[in-house]
Amino acid sequence: IPFIMIRSALNKVKPSRNFMGNRFDTMFHIDLLEQ
């Protein structure tokens, strides 16, 4: 997700969502390595 967000900015594409919110909140992003 951070890489896609940086590449988005470099390509002038605005992300539609923020999946980098609170690390412990799995409401919008579940990172299985974290889990």
All heavy atoms as atom14 arrays in JSON, in Angstrom:
{
  "sequence": "IPFIMIRSALNKVKPSRNFMGNRFDTMFHIDLLEQ",
  "atom14_mask": [
    [1, 1, 1, 1, 1, 1, 1, 1, 0, 0, 0, 0, 0, 0],
    [1, 1, 1, 1, 1, 1, 1, 0, 0, 0, 0, 0, 0, 0],
    [1, 1, 1, 1, 1, 1, 1, 1, 1, 1, 1, 0, 0, 0],
    [1, 1, 1, 1, 1, 1, 1, 1, 0, 0, 0, 0, 0, 0],
    [1, 1, 1, 1, 1, 1, 1, 1, 0, 0, 0, 0, 0, 0],
    [1, 1, 1, 1, 1, 1, 1, 1, 0, 0, 0, 0, 0, 0],
    [1, 1, 1, 1, 1, 1, 1, 1, 1, 1, 1, 0, 0, 0],
    [1, 1, 1, 1, 1, 1, 0, 0, 0, 0, 0, 0, 0, 0],
    [1, 1, 1, 1, 1, 0, 0, 0, 0, 0, 0, 0, 0, 0],
    [1, 1, 1, 1, 1, 1, 1, 1, 0, 0, 0, 0, 0, 0],
    [1, 1, 1, 1, 1, 1, 1, 1, 0, 0, 0, 0, 0, 0],
    [1, 1, 1, 1, 1, 1, 1, 1, 1, 0, 0, 0, 0, 0],
    [1, 1, 1, 1, 1, 1, 1, 0, 0, 0, 0, 0, 0, 0],
    [1, 1, 1, 1, 1, 1, 1, 1, 1, 0, 0, 0, 0, 0],
    [1, 1, 1, 1, 1, 1, 1, 0, 0, 0, 0, 0, 0, 0],
    [1, 1, 1, 1, 1, 1, 0, 0, 0, 0, 0, 0, 0, 0],
    [1, 1, 1, 1, 1, 1, 1, 1, 1, 1, 1, 0, 0, 0],
    [1, 1, 1, 1, 1, 1, 1, 1, 0, 0, 0, 0, 0, 0],
    [1, 1, 1, 1, 1, 1, 1, 1, 1, 1, 1, 0, 0, 0],
    [1, 1, 1, 1, 1, 1, 1, 1, 0, 0, 0, 0, 0, 0],
    [1, 1, 1, 1, 0, 0, 0, 0, 0, 0, 0, 0, 0, 0],
    [1, 1, 1, 1, 1, 1, 1, 1, 0, 0, 0, 0, 0, 0],
    [1, 1, 1, 1, 1, 1, 1, 1, 1, 1, 1, 0, 0, 0],
    [1, 1, 1, 1, 1, 1, 1, 1, 1, 1, 1, 0, 0, 0],
    [1, 1, 1, 1, 1, 1, 1, 1, 0, 0, 0, 0, 0, 0],
    [1, 1, 1, 1, 1, 1, 1, 0, 0, 0, 0, 0, 0, 0],
    [1, 1, 1, 1, 1, 1, 1, 1, 0, 0, 0, 0, 0, 0],
    [1, 1, 1, 1, 1, 1, 1, 1, 1, 1, 1, 0, 0, 0],
    [1, 1, 1, 1, 1, 1, 1, 1, 1, 1, 0, 0, 0, 0],
    [1, 1, 1, 1, 1, 1, 1, 1, 0, 0, 0, 0, 0, 0],
    [1, 1, 1, 1, 1, 1, 1, 1, 0, 0, 0, 0, 0, 0],
    [1, 1, 1, 1, 1, 1, 1, 1, 0, 0, 0, 0, 0, 0],
    [1, 1, 1, 1, 1, 1, 1, 1, 0, 0, 0, 0, 0, 0],
    [1, 1, 1, 1, 1, 1, 1, 1, 1, 0, 0, 0, 0, 0],
    [1, 1, 1, 1, 1, 1, 1, 1, 1, 0, 0, 0, 0, 0]
  ],
  "atom14_positions": [
    [[0.82, -1.22, 0.0], [0.0, 0.0, 0.0], [0.86, 1.27, 0.0], [0.61, 2.16, -0.82], [-1.03, -0.03, 1.15], [-2.0, -1.2, 0.96], [-1.79, 1.3, 1.22], [-2.76, -1.22, -0.36], [0.0, 0.0, 0.0], [0.0, 0.0, 0.0], [0.0, 0.0, 0.0], [0.0, 0.0, 0.0], [0.0, 0.0, 0.0], [0.0, 0.0, 0.0]],
    [[1.88, 1.39, 0.85], [2.71, 2.6, 0.75], [3.36, 2.74, -0.63], [3.43, 3.85, -1.17], [3.78, 2.41, 1.84], [3.18, 1.45, 2.8], [2.28, 0.56, 2.0], [0.0, 0.0, 0.0], [0.0, 0.0, 0.0], [0.0, 0.0, 0.0], [0.0, 0.0, 0.0], [0.0, 0.0, 0.0], [0.0, 0.0, 0.0], [0.0, 0.0, 0.0]],
    [[3.81, 1.63, -1.21], [4.44, 1.69, -2.53], [3.44, 2.14, -3.6], [3.74, 3.01, -4.42], [5.05, 0.34, -2.9], [5.92, 0.39, -4.13], [7.16, 1.01, -4.09], [5.48, -0.15, -5.32], [7.96, 1.07, -5.22], [6.27, -0.09, -6.46], [7.52, 0.52, -6.41], [0.0, 0.0, 0.0], [0.0, 0.0, 0.0], [0.0, 0.0, 0.0]],
    [[2.23, 1.59, -3.55], [1.19, 2.0, -4.51], [0.86, 3.48, -4.32], [0.67, 4.21, -5.3], [-0.07, 1.12, -4.39], [0.22, -0.3, -4.88], [-1.24, 1.71, -5.19], [-0.89, -1.31, -4.6], [0.0, 0.0, 0.0], [0.0, 0.0, 0.0], [0.0, 0.0, 0.0], [0.0, 0.0, 0.0], [0.0, 0.0, 0.0], [0.0, 0.0, 0.0]],
    [[0.81, 3.93, -3.09], [0.49, 5.35, -2.84], [1.58, 6.27, -3.39], [1.28, 7.29, -4.02], [0.23, 5.58, -1.35], [-1.06, 4.91, -0.89], [-1.41, 5.14, 0.85], [-2.1, 6.8, 0.79], [0.0, 0.0, 0.0], [0.0, 0.0, 0.0], [0.0, 0.0, 0.0], [0.0, 0.0, 0.0], [0.0, 0.0, 0.0], [0.0, 0.0, 0.0]],
    [[2.84, 5.91, -3.17], [3.94, 6.73, -3.7], [3.94, 6.71, -5.23], [4.07, 7.76, -5.88], [5.3, 6.25, -3.15], [5.39, 6.5, -1.65], [6.48, 6.89, -3.9], [5.33, 7.96, -1.23], [0.0, 0.0, 0.0], [0.0, 0.0, 0.0], [0.0, 0.0, 0.0], [0.0, 0.0, 0.0], [0.0, 0.0, 0.0], [0.0, 0.0, 0.0]],
    [[3.75, 5.54, -5.82], [3.7, 5.44, -7.28], [2.49, 6.2, -7.82], [2.54, 6.77, -8.92], [3.68, 3.99, -7.75], [4.95, 3.21, -7.5], [6.21, 3.84, -8.05], [6.15, 4.05, -9.49], [7.09, 4.65, -10.21], [8.17, 5.09, -9.63], [6.96, 4.8, -11.52], [0.0, 0.0, 0.0], [0.0, 0.0, 0.0], [0.0, 0.0, 0.0]],
    [[1.41, 6.23, -7.06], [0.24, 7.01, -7.46], [0.61, 8.48, -7.57], [0.3, 9.14, -8.58], [-0.9, 6.83, -6.45], [-1.34, 5.5, -6.42], [0.0, 0.0, 0.0], [0.0, 0.0, 0.0], [0.0, 0.0, 0.0], [0.0, 0.0, 0.0], [0.0, 0.0, 0.0], [0.0, 0.0, 0.0], [0.0, 0.0, 0.0], [0.0, 0.0, 0.0]],
    [[1.25, 8.99, -6.55], [1.64, 10.4, -6.55], [2.6, 10.7, -7.7], [2.46, 11.72, -8.39], [2.27, 10.78, -5.21], [0.0, 0.0, 0.0], [0.0, 0.0, 0.0], [0.0, 0.0, 0.0], [0.0, 0.0, 0.0], [0.0, 0.0, 0.0], [0.0, 0.0, 0.0], [0.0, 0.0, 0.0], [0.0, 0.0, 0.0], [0.0, 0.0, 0.0]],
    [[3.57, 9.82, -7.92], [4.53, 10.03, -9.01], [3.85, 10.02, -10.38], [4.31, 10.68, -11.31], [5.62, 8.96, -8.97], [6.61, 9.08, -7.81], [7.45, 7.83, -7.68], [7.47, 10.32, -7.97], [0.0, 0.0, 0.0], [0.0, 0.0, 0.0], [0.0, 0.0, 0.0], [0.0, 0.0, 0.0], [0.0, 0.0, 0.0], [0.0, 0.0, 0.0]],
    [[2.75, 9.27, -10.49], [2.01, 9.18, -11.75], [0.8, 10.12, -11.79], [-0.03, 10.03, -12.67], [1.56, 7.74, -12.0], [2.68, 6.88, -12.51], [3.0, 6.91, -13.69], [3.3, 6.09, -11.62], [0.0, 0.0, 0.0], [0.0, 0.0, 0.0], [0.0, 0.0, 0.0], [0.0, 0.0, 0.0], [0.0, 0.0, 0.0], [0.0, 0.0, 0.0]],
    [[0.71, 11.02, -10.79], [-0.36, 12.02, -10.73], [-1.76, 11.38, -10.68], [-2.69, 11.85, -11.3], [-0.28, 12.99, -11.92], [1.08, 13.6, -12.15], [1.39, 14.65, -11.1], [2.64, 15.43, -11.43], [3.81, 15.07, -10.68], [0.0, 0.0, 0.0], [0.0, 0.0, 0.0], [0.0, 0.0, 0.0], [0.0, 0.0, 0.0], [0.0, 0.0, 0.0]],
    [[-1.86, 10.31, -9.89], [-3.15, 9.63, -9.67], [-3.44, 9.73, -8.18], [-2.63, 9.31, -7.35], [-3.11, 8.15, -10.1], [-4.43, 7.46, -9.78], [-2.76, 8.02, -11.58], [0.0, 0.0, 0.0], [0.0, 0.0, 0.0], [0.0, 0.0, 0.0], [0.0, 0.0, 0.0], [0.0, 0.0, 0.0], [0.0, 0.0, 0.0], [0.0, 0.0, 0.0]],
    [[-4.59, 10.29, -7.83], [-4.94, 10.45, -6.42], [-5.58, 9.17, -5.89], [-6.54, 8.67, -6.47], [-5.9, 11.63, -6.24], [-6.18, 11.92, -4.77], [-6.79, 13.29, -4.6], [-7.1, 13.59, -3.16], [-5.96, 14.02, -2.4], [0.0, 0.0, 0.0], [0.0, 0.0, 0.0], [0.0, 0.0, 0.0], [0.0, 0.0, 0.0], [0.0, 0.0, 0.0]],
    [[-5.06, 8.64, -4.78], [-5.7, 7.46, -4.17], [-7.14, 7.75, -3.77], [-7.47, 8.86, -3.34], [-4.83, 7.18, -2.93], [-3.5, 7.78, -3.28], [-3.84, 9.02, -4.09], [0.0, 0.0, 0.0], [0.0, 0.0, 0.0], [0.0, 0.0, 0.0], [0.0, 0.0, 0.0], [0.0, 0.0, 0.0], [0.0, 0.0, 0.0], [0.0, 0.0, 0.0]],
    [[-7.99, 6.75, -3.92], [-9.4, 6.92, -3.58], [-9.69, 6.6, -2.12], [-10.76, 6.96, -1.61], [-10.26, 6.03, -4.48], [-9.93, 4.67, -4.28], [0.0, 0.0, 0.0], [0.0, 0.0, 0.0], [0.0, 0.0, 0.0], [0.0, 0.0, 0.0], [0.0, 0.0, 0.0], [0.0, 0.0, 0.0], [0.0, 0.0, 0.0], [0.0, 0.0, 0.0]],
    [[-8.77, 5.9, -1.46], [-8.98, 5.5, -0.06], [-7.66, 5.58, 0.69], [-6.59, 5.48, 0.08], [-9.44, 4.02, 0.01], [-10.71, 3.66, -0.71], [-11.97, 3.83, 0.08], [-12.07, 3.08, 1.31], [-12.52, 1.83, 1.41], [-12.88, 1.16, 0.34], [-12.61, 1.25, 2.58], [0.0, 0.0, 0.0], [0.0, 0.0, 0.0], [0.0, 0.0, 0.0]],
    [[-7.75, 5.67, 2.0], [-6.56, 5.6, 2.85], [-6.6, 4.27, 3.59], [-7.36, 4.12, 4.54], [-6.51, 6.76, 3.83], [-5.3, 6.68, 4.74], [-4.4, 5.87, 4.52], [-5.28, 7.5, 5.77], [0.0, 0.0, 0.0], [0.0, 0.0, 0.0], [0.0, 0.0, 0.0], [0.0, 0.0, 0.0], [0.0, 0.0, 0.0], [0.0, 0.0, 0.0]],
    [[-5.78, 3.33, 3.14], [-5.71, 2.03, 3.79], [-4.57, 1.98, 4.82], [-4.24, 0.91, 5.31], [-5.52, 0.92, 2.76], [-6.71, 0.74, 1.87], [-6.64, 1.0, 0.51], [-7.92, 0.3, 2.39], [-7.73, 0.82, -0.31], [-9.03, 0.13, 1.58], [-8.93, 0.38, 0.22], [0.0, 0.0, 0.0], [0.0, 0.0, 0.0], [0.0, 0.0, 0.0]],
    [[-3.99, 3.14, 5.12], [-2.88, 3.2, 6.06], [-3.29, 3.82, 7.39], [-2.46, 4.34, 8.13], [-1.71, 3.99, 5.45], [-1.07, 3.32, 4.27], [-0.42, 1.67, 4.65], [0.86, 2.1, 5.81], [0.0, 0.0, 0.0], [0.0, 0.0, 0.0], [0.0, 0.0, 0.0], [0.0, 0.0, 0.0], [0.0, 0.0, 0.0], [0.0, 0.0, 0.0]],
    [[-4.56, 3.75, 7.73], [-5.05, 4.33, 8.98], [-4.48, 3.61, 10.19], [-3.39, 3.03, 10.13], [0.0, 0.0, 0.0], [0.0, 0.0, 0.0], [0.0, 0.0, 0.0], [0.0, 0.0, 0.0], [0.0, 0.0, 0.0], [0.0, 0.0, 0.0], [0.0, 0.0, 0.0], [0.0, 0.0, 0.0], [0.0, 0.0, 0.0], [0.0, 0.0, 0.0]],
    [[-5.2, 3.6, 11.27], [-4.78, 2.97, 12.52], [-4.32, 1.54, 12.26], [-5.07, 0.71, 11.76], [-5.94, 3.0, 13.51], [-5.59, 2.41, 14.85], [-4.72, 1.56, 14.99], [-6.28, 2.88, 15.87], [0.0, 0.0, 0.0], [0.0, 0.0, 0.0], [0.0, 0.0, 0.0], [0.0, 0.0, 0.0], [0.0, 0.0, 0.0], [0.0, 0.0, 0.0]],
    [[-3.1, 1.26, 12.65], [-2.49, -0.05, 12.42], [-3.31, -1.2, 13.01], [-3.31, -2.31, 12.48], [-1.09, -0.03, 13.05], [-0.36, -1.33, 12.95], [1.0, -1.21, 13.63], [1.75, -2.44, 13.46], [2.82, -2.73, 14.15], [3.28, -1.88, 15.03], [3.44, -3.86, 13.95], [0.0, 0.0, 0.0], [0.0, 0.0, 0.0], [0.0, 0.0, 0.0]],
    [[-3.98, -0.98, 14.11], [-4.69, -2.04, 14.81], [-6.16, -2.15, 14.42], [-6.87, -2.99, 14.94], [-4.56, -1.83, 16.32], [-3.12, -1.76, 16.76], [-2.53, -0.55, 17.07], [-2.34, -2.91, 16.82], [-1.2, -0.48, 17.45], [-1.01, -2.86, 17.2], [-0.43, -1.63, 17.51], [0.0, 0.0, 0.0], [0.0, 0.0, 0.0], [0.0, 0.0, 0.0]],
    [[-6.6, -1.32, 13.51], [-8.0, -1.33, 13.06], [-8.09, -2.14, 11.75], [-7.5, -1.76, 10.75], [-8.47, 0.11, 12.83], [-9.93, 0.2, 12.39], [-10.59, -0.85, 12.25], [-10.39, 1.33, 12.19], [0.0, 0.0, 0.0], [0.0, 0.0, 0.0], [0.0, 0.0, 0.0], [0.0, 0.0, 0.0], [0.0, 0.0, 0.0], [0.0, 0.0, 0.0]],
    [[-8.82, -3.24, 11.8], [-8.95, -4.11, 10.61], [-10.25, -3.85, 9.85], [-10.64, -4.66, 9.02], [-8.86, -5.6, 11.02], [-9.89, -5.87, 11.97], [-7.5, -5.94, 11.59], [0.0, 0.0, 0.0], [0.0, 0.0, 0.0], [0.0, 0.0, 0.0], [0.0, 0.0, 0.0], [0.0, 0.0, 0.0], [0.0, 0.0, 0.0], [0.0, 0.0, 0.0]],
    [[-10.9, -2.74, 10.13], [-12.16, -2.43, 9.46], [-11.98, -2.29, 7.94], [-12.8, -2.77, 7.17], [-12.75, -1.13, 10.04], [-14.06, -0.72, 9.38], [-15.44, -1.79, 9.79], [-15.73, -1.29, 11.46], [0.0, 0.0, 0.0], [0.0, 0.0, 0.0], [0.0, 0.0, 0.0], [0.0, 0.0, 0.0], [0.0, 0.0, 0.0], [0.0, 0.0, 0.0]],
    [[-10.9, -1.63, 7.49], [-10.72, -1.36, 6.07], [-9.51, -2.05, 5.45], [-9.41, -2.16, 4.24], [-10.61, 0.16, 5.82], [-11.82, 0.9, 6.31], [-11.73, 1.77, 7.36], [-13.06, 0.7, 5.71], [-12.85, 2.45, 7.83], [-14.18, 1.37, 6.17], [-14.08, 2.25, 7.23], [0.0, 0.0, 0.0], [0.0, 0.0, 0.0], [0.0, 0.0, 0.0]],
    [[-8.57, -2.48, 6.28], [-7.36, -3.14, 5.76], [-6.92, -4.21, 6.75], [-6.6, -3.92, 7.9], [-6.25, -2.1, 5.57], [-4.97, -2.66, 5.03], [-3.85, -1.9, 4.93], [-4.63, -3.89, 4.56], [-2.86, -2.64, 4.42], [-3.33, -3.85, 4.2], [0.0, 0.0, 0.0], [0.0, 0.0, 0.0], [0.0, 0.0, 0.0], [0.0, 0.0, 0.0]],
    [[-6.9, -5.44, 6.27], [-6.4, -6.55, 7.07], [-5.08, -6.98, 6.44], [-5.05, -7.47, 5.3], [-7.39, -7.74, 7.09], [-8.71, -7.31, 7.72], [-6.78, -8.93, 7.81], [-9.82, -8.31, 7.55], [0.0, 0.0, 0.0], [0.0, 0.0, 0.0], [0.0, 0.0, 0.0], [0.0, 0.0, 0.0], [0.0, 0.0, 0.0], [0.0, 0.0, 0.0]],
    [[-4.0, -6.76, 7.16], [-2.68, -7.21, 6.72], [-2.42, -8.52, 7.46], [-2.2, -8.53, 8.67], [-1.62, -6.16, 7.04], [-0.23, -6.56, 6.57], [0.04, -7.77, 6.39], [0.6, -5.65, 6.38], [0.0, 0.0, 0.0], [0.0, 0.0, 0.0], [0.0, 0.0, 0.0], [0.0, 0.0, 0.0], [0.0, 0.0, 0.0], [0.0, 0.0, 0.0]],
    [[-2.43, -9.62, 6.72], [-2.29, -10.93, 7.36], [-0.93, -11.14, 8.02], [-0.85, -11.86, 9.02], [-2.58, -12.04, 6.36], [-4.04, -12.13, 5.92], [-4.22, -13.17, 4.83], [-4.96, -12.43, 7.1], [0.0, 0.0, 0.0], [0.0, 0.0, 0.0], [0.0, 0.0, 0.0], [0.0, 0.0, 0.0], [0.0, 0.0, 0.0], [0.0, 0.0, 0.0]],
    [[0.11, -10.5, 7.52], [1.4, -10.63, 8.2], [1.31, -9.99, 9.58], [1.82, -10.56, 10.56], [2.52, -9.99, 7.37], [3.92, -10.13, 7.98], [4.28, -11.59, 8.25], [4.95, -9.47, 7.07], [0.0, 0.0, 0.0], [0.0, 0.0, 0.0], [0.0, 0.0, 0.0], [0.0, 0.0, 0.0], [0.0, 0.0, 0.0], [0.0, 0.0, 0.0]],
    [[0.64, -8.87, 9.68], [0.43, -8.24, 10.99], [-0.39, -9.17, 11.89], [-0.1, -9.31, 13.08], [-0.31, -6.91, 10.82], [0.51, -5.85, 10.12], [1.21, -4.93, 11.08], [0.54, -4.26, 11.88], [2.44, -4.89, 11.01], [0.0, 0.0, 0.0], [0.0, 0.0, 0.0], [0.0, 0.0, 0.0], [0.0, 0.0, 0.0], [0.0, 0.0, 0.0]],
    [[-1.4, -9.8, 11.33], [-2.28, -10.65, 12.13], [-1.59, -11.92, 12.6], [-1.69, -12.3, 13.76], [-3.55, -10.99, 11.34], [-4.4, -9.78, 10.99], [-4.74, -8.94, 12.2], [-5.2, -9.43, 13.21], [-4.51, -7.63, 12.1], [0.0, 0.0, 0.0], [0.0, 0.0, 0.0], [0.0, 0.0, 0.0], [0.0, 0.0, 0.0], [0.0, 0.0, 0.0]]
  ]
}
